[in-house]
């Protein structure tokens, strides 16, 4: 799935994000989506989310789907 499309992202989803300070290095942080912060349906750098641990970053990879 694509981390640039808002429709693919929902709370509970396990993802890898890049934080603002790590954009140059590309270091990814793994976590579970708590909130979606991007309002637009598509963003070329990834949809911005807040993880359950409070980290904010743009989705680079979707690991697993949310539990139903």
Protein backbone atom coordinates (compact mmCIF):
# COMPACT_ATOMS: atom_id res chain seq x y z
CA UNK A 1 0.00 0.00 0.00
CA UNK A 2 0.94 3.59 -0.60
CA UNK A 3 1.92 5.93 2.27
CA UNK A 4 1.23 8.95 0.05
CA UNK A 5 -2.53 8.35 -0.16
CA UNK A 6 -4.65 9.30 2.87
CA UNK A 7 -7.29 6.63 2.12
CA UNK A 8 -4.66 3.91 2.80
CA UNK A 9 -3.89 5.21 6.30
CA UNK A 10 -6.09 4.74 9.38
CA UNK A 11 -5.63 4.59 13.16
CA UNK A 12 -4.27 1.26 14.37
CA UNK A 13 -2.16 0.73 11.26
CA UNK A 14 1.47 -0.34 11.82
CA UNK A 15 3.77 1.95 9.80
CA UNK A 16 7.30 3.28 9.42
CA UNK A 17 7.61 7.06 9.37
CA UNK A 18 10.42 9.54 8.78
CA UNK A 19 10.57 12.33 11.36
CA UNK A 20 11.33 15.91 10.25
CA UNK A 21 14.84 15.85 11.76
CA UNK A 22 15.60 12.53 10.00
CA UNK A 23 14.48 13.51 6.49
CA UNK A 24 18.05 13.97 5.27
CA UNK A 25 19.28 10.65 6.65
CA UNK A 26 16.07 8.73 5.88
CA UNK A 27 16.06 7.04 9.31
CA UNK A 28 12.67 5.39 9.83
CA UNK A 29 10.74 4.98 13.07
CA UNK A 30 8.19 2.20 13.45
CA UNK A 31 4.93 2.61 15.32
CA UNK A 32 1.14 2.47 15.32
CA UNK A 33 -0.92 5.33 13.87
CA UNK A 34 -2.92 7.21 16.49
CA UNK A 35 -4.01 10.24 14.44
CA UNK A 36 -3.83 11.37 10.81
CA UNK A 37 -2.59 14.96 10.59
CA UNK A 38 -2.65 15.55 6.81
CA UNK A 39 -6.02 16.73 5.50
CA UNK A 40 -5.35 16.44 1.76
CA UNK A 41 -6.13 13.12 0.02
CA UNK A 42 -2.55 12.80 -1.34
CA UNK A 43 0.89 14.11 -0.36
CA UNK A 44 4.04 13.42 -2.40
CA UNK A 45 6.29 13.10 0.71
CA UNK A 46 3.89 10.87 2.66
CA UNK A 47 0.85 11.42 4.84
CA UNK A 48 1.74 13.06 8.17
CA UNK A 49 0.61 11.06 11.21
CA UNK A 50 1.05 10.97 14.97
CA UNK A 51 2.08 7.59 16.33
CA UNK A 52 0.75 6.17 19.61
CA UNK A 53 4.04 7.17 21.31
CA UNK A 54 3.63 10.84 20.27
CA UNK A 55 6.14 10.84 17.39
CA UNK A 56 5.03 12.84 14.34
CA UNK A 57 6.29 11.89 10.90
CA UNK A 58 5.40 11.15 7.30
CA UNK A 59 4.44 7.57 6.36
CA UNK A 60 7.10 5.89 4.22
CA UNK A 61 6.02 2.25 4.59
CA UNK A 62 2.86 0.46 5.68
CA UNK A 63 3.75 -2.70 7.60
CA UNK A 64 0.43 -4.26 8.59
CA UNK A 65 -3.24 -3.39 8.39
CA UNK A 66 -5.31 -2.23 11.36
CA UNK A 67 -7.09 -4.81 13.47
CA UNK A 68 -10.78 -5.00 12.59
